[in-house]
């Protein structure tokens, strides 16, 4: 319960940008979990992942990857290979790699994330749309505009179906698609 309380407090602080306080609480949570649960417990993995997300938000990408790798190692040893938490870790690692312009590695991890999501959530889930959008943004960064638009179309179809035309994620997808078209010189579209 003590570890969970530290964890929950840190989860609240991170979106507020209070990274140092969140990190201190995650450290306390992690220490408590190691003492009570042991180093290979899935809760320890989750804490590693959340600590990594704070580092990612601070731009400490190499440290974030290190913690995501620790998280993933525990998850792969304790959870099913198709567990949603494994997909979450793959997706977050891919996001960090994309920020570091490591597009090939990011794409591979997004593909693993997507495969798990399609199996566990189904093809019409909003999380699948998010992964499609992330994959398309990697392709855009690589200049693979036609393929990016194909994947943005998949993302948009899911978002329109599940979220409706007035949702901010739909607007964001339209914006991303427009950026691709602009890069291609298709200004009228």
Protein backbone atom coordinates (compact mmCIF):
# COMPACT_ATOMS: atom_id res chain seq x y z
CA UNK A 1 0.00 0.00 0.00
CA UNK A 2 2.86 2.37 0.75
CA UNK A 3 4.45 1.75 -2.64
CA UNK A 4 1.09 2.21 -4.36
CA UNK A 5 0.55 5.52 -2.59
CA UNK A 6 3.97 6.81 -3.67
CA UNK A 7 3.23 5.59 -7.19
CA UNK A 8 -0.18 7.26 -7.37
CA UNK A 9 1.18 10.54 -6.07
CA UNK A 10 3.92 10.48 -8.73
CA UNK A 11 1.37 9.75 -11.44
CA UNK A 12 -0.48 12.92 -10.44
CA UNK A 13 2.66 15.08 -10.37
CA UNK A 14 4.12 14.12 -13.76
CA UNK A 15 1.41 15.75 -15.92
CA UNK A 16 1.82 18.89 -13.83
CA UNK A 17 5.47 19.05 -14.89
CA UNK A 18 6.69 18.39 -11.36
CA UNK A 19 9.27 15.91 -12.59
CA UNK A 20 11.69 16.12 -9.67
CA UNK A 21 8.95 15.45 -7.13
CA UNK A 22 7.53 12.64 -9.27
CA UNK A 23 10.98 11.08 -9.62
CA UNK A 24 11.57 11.22 -5.87
CA UNK A 25 8.25 9.47 -5.24
CA UNK A 26 8.91 6.85 -7.91
CA UNK A 27 12.29 6.20 -6.25
CA UNK A 28 10.56 5.62 -2.90
CA UNK A 29 7.98 3.39 -4.58
CA UNK A 30 10.69 1.40 -6.36
CA UNK A 31 12.72 0.91 -3.17
CA UNK A 32 9.64 -0.27 -1.30
CA UNK A 33 8.66 -2.64 -4.11
CA UNK A 34 12.14 -4.15 -4.24
CA UNK A 35 11.99 -4.85 -0.50
CA UNK A 36 8.47 -6.26 -0.49
CA UNK A 37 7.96 -7.79 -3.95
CA UNK A 38 11.45 -8.48 -5.26
CA UNK A 39 13.18 -7.21 -8.40
CA UNK A 40 11.28 -9.35 -10.90
CA UNK A 41 7.71 -8.38 -10.02
CA UNK A 42 5.42 -6.80 -12.68
CA UNK A 43 4.75 -3.86 -10.34
CA UNK A 44 8.47 -3.10 -10.34
CA UNK A 45 8.35 -3.17 -14.14
CA UNK A 46 5.48 -0.66 -14.14
CA UNK A 47 7.46 1.64 -11.87
CA UNK A 48 10.49 1.41 -14.17
CA UNK A 49 8.21 2.31 -17.07
CA UNK A 50 6.71 5.27 -15.28
CA UNK A 51 10.14 6.48 -14.18
CA UNK A 52 11.23 6.21 -17.82
CA UNK A 53 8.27 8.32 -18.94
CA UNK A 54 9.39 11.10 -16.59
CA UNK A 55 12.91 10.94 -18.01
CA UNK A 56 11.46 11.00 -21.53
CA UNK A 57 9.45 14.12 -20.69
CA UNK A 58 12.68 15.73 -19.44
CA UNK A 59 14.56 14.82 -22.63
CA UNK A 60 16.83 12.28 -20.89
CA UNK A 61 16.27 9.80 -23.69
CA UNK A 62 19.16 7.40 -23.08
CA UNK A 63 18.22 7.01 -19.42
CA UNK A 64 14.58 6.54 -20.40
CA UNK A 65 15.51 3.75 -22.82
CA UNK A 66 17.59 2.04 -20.12
CA UNK A 67 14.62 1.98 -17.74
CA UNK A 68 12.19 0.91 -20.45
CA UNK A 69 14.52 -1.99 -21.24
CA UNK A 70 14.51 -3.03 -17.57
CA UNK A 71 10.74 -2.74 -17.56
CA UNK A 72 10.43 -4.84 -20.72
CA UNK A 73 12.79 -7.53 -19.42
CA UNK A 74 10.63 -8.04 -16.35
CA UNK A 75 7.41 -7.94 -18.38
CA UNK A 76 8.66 -10.52 -20.89
CA UNK A 77 9.68 -12.78 -18.00
CA UNK A 78 6.42 -12.48 -16.06
CA UNK A 79 3.61 -11.57 -18.43
CA UNK A 80 2.34 -13.06 -21.66
CA UNK A 81 4.09 -11.80 -24.79
CA UNK A 82 0.77 -10.34 -25.91
CA UNK A 83 -0.02 -8.53 -22.64
CA UNK A 84 -1.19 -4.90 -23.08
CA UNK A 85 1.55 -3.70 -20.71
CA UNK A 86 4.14 -5.14 -23.10
CA UNK A 87 2.52 -3.19 -25.95
CA UNK A 88 2.60 -0.05 -23.79
CA UNK A 89 6.33 -0.46 -23.21
CA UNK A 90 7.08 -1.12 -26.88
CA UNK A 91 5.11 1.98 -27.85
CA UNK A 92 6.83 4.18 -25.29
CA UNK A 93 10.27 2.92 -26.24
CA UNK A 94 9.45 3.62 -29.89
CA UNK A 95 8.42 7.15 -29.01
CA UNK A 96 11.78 7.80 -27.33
CA UNK A 97 13.65 6.31 -30.28
CA UNK A 98 11.67 8.49 -32.67
CA UNK A 99 12.69 11.55 -30.65
CA UNK A 100 16.30 10.42 -31.13
CA UNK A 101 15.74 10.02 -34.91
CA UNK A 102 16.28 6.25 -34.64
CA UNK A 103 13.46 5.61 -37.07
CA UNK A 104 14.19 2.00 -38.03
CA UNK A 105 14.28 0.85 -34.40
CA UNK A 106 11.20 2.95 -33.59
CA UNK A 107 9.27 1.42 -36.48
CA UNK A 108 10.14 -2.11 -35.36
CA UNK A 109 8.87 -1.42 -31.86
CA UNK A 110 5.70 0.28 -33.10
CA UNK A 111 5.04 -2.80 -35.24
CA UNK A 112 5.38 -5.04 -32.17
CA UNK A 113 3.09 -2.73 -30.22
CA UNK A 114 0.53 -2.73 -33.03
CA UNK A 115 0.54 -6.51 -33.35
CA UNK A 116 -0.26 -6.90 -29.65
CA UNK A 117 -2.94 -4.22 -29.77
CA UNK A 118 -4.62 -5.76 -32.81
CA UNK A 119 -4.66 -9.14 -31.07
CA UNK A 120 -5.86 -7.92 -27.68
CA UNK A 121 -7.93 -4.82 -28.44
CA UNK A 122 -9.11 -5.37 -31.99
CA UNK A 123 -8.62 -3.28 -35.12
CA UNK A 124 -11.10 -0.54 -34.22
CA UNK A 125 -9.71 0.49 -30.83
CA UNK A 126 -8.55 4.09 -30.24
CA UNK A 127 -5.17 2.84 -28.98
CA UNK A 128 -4.66 1.15 -32.35
CA UNK A 129 -5.38 4.50 -34.01
CA UNK A 130 -2.78 6.17 -31.80
CA UNK A 131 -0.17 3.60 -32.79
CA UNK A 132 -1.03 4.05 -36.45
CA UNK A 133 -0.61 7.80 -36.02
CA UNK A 134 2.75 7.33 -34.35
CA UNK A 135 3.91 4.99 -37.11
CA UNK A 136 2.80 7.50 -39.74
CA UNK A 137 4.73 10.27 -38.02
CA UNK A 138 7.90 8.16 -38.22
CA UNK A 139 7.31 7.59 -41.92
CA UNK A 140 6.75 11.32 -42.39
CA UNK A 141 10.04 12.08 -40.64
CA UNK A 142 11.72 9.69 -43.08
CA UNK A 143 10.10 11.35 -46.10
CA UNK A 144 7.94 8.31 -46.89
CA UNK A 145 4.89 10.46 -47.48
CA UNK A 146 2.68 8.11 -49.51
CA UNK A 147 3.00 5.32 -46.95
CA UNK A 148 2.48 7.82 -44.12
CA UNK A 149 -0.79 8.98 -45.71
CA UNK A 150 -2.00 5.38 -46.04
CA UNK A 151 -1.44 4.83 -42.34
CA UNK A 152 -2.91 8.20 -41.37
CA UNK A 153 -6.01 7.15 -43.34
CA UNK A 154 -6.29 4.04 -41.14
CA UNK A 155 -5.79 6.16 -38.05
CA UNK A 156 -8.43 8.64 -39.16
CA UNK A 157 -11.00 5.97 -39.98
CA UNK A 158 -10.74 4.53 -36.48
CA UNK A 159 -10.81 7.92 -34.80
CA UNK A 160 -13.84 9.10 -36.74
CA UNK A 161 -15.65 5.86 -35.96
CA UNK A 162 -14.79 5.73 -32.26
CA UNK A 163 -14.36 9.36 -31.25
CA UNK A 164 -16.52 11.30 -33.70
CA UNK A 165 -15.66 14.17 -36.04
CA UNK A 166 -15.44 16.83 -33.32
CA UNK A 167 -12.81 15.14 -31.17
CA UNK A 168 -9.40 16.86 -30.73
CA UNK A 169 -7.57 13.68 -31.81
CA UNK A 170 -9.43 13.84 -35.13
CA UNK A 171 -8.33 17.45 -35.56
CA UNK A 172 -4.76 16.48 -34.73
CA UNK A 173 -4.83 13.73 -37.35
CA UNK A 174 -6.18 16.16 -39.96
CA UNK A 175 -3.32 18.50 -39.08
CA UNK A 176 -0.74 15.73 -39.44
CA UNK A 177 -2.20 14.68 -42.77
CA UNK A 178 -2.18 18.28 -43.99
CA UNK A 179 1.49 18.57 -43.03
CA UNK A 180 2.31 15.53 -45.15
CA UNK A 181 0.39 16.93 -48.10
CA UNK A 182 2.14 20.27 -47.70
CA UNK A 183 5.53 18.51 -47.73
CA UNK A 184 4.48 16.86 -50.97
CA UNK A 185 3.49 20.19 -52.48
CA UNK A 186 -0.20 19.21 -52.61
CA UNK A 187 -1.37 22.56 -51.31
CA UNK A 188 -4.95 22.36 -52.62
CA UNK A 189 -5.58 19.11 -50.72
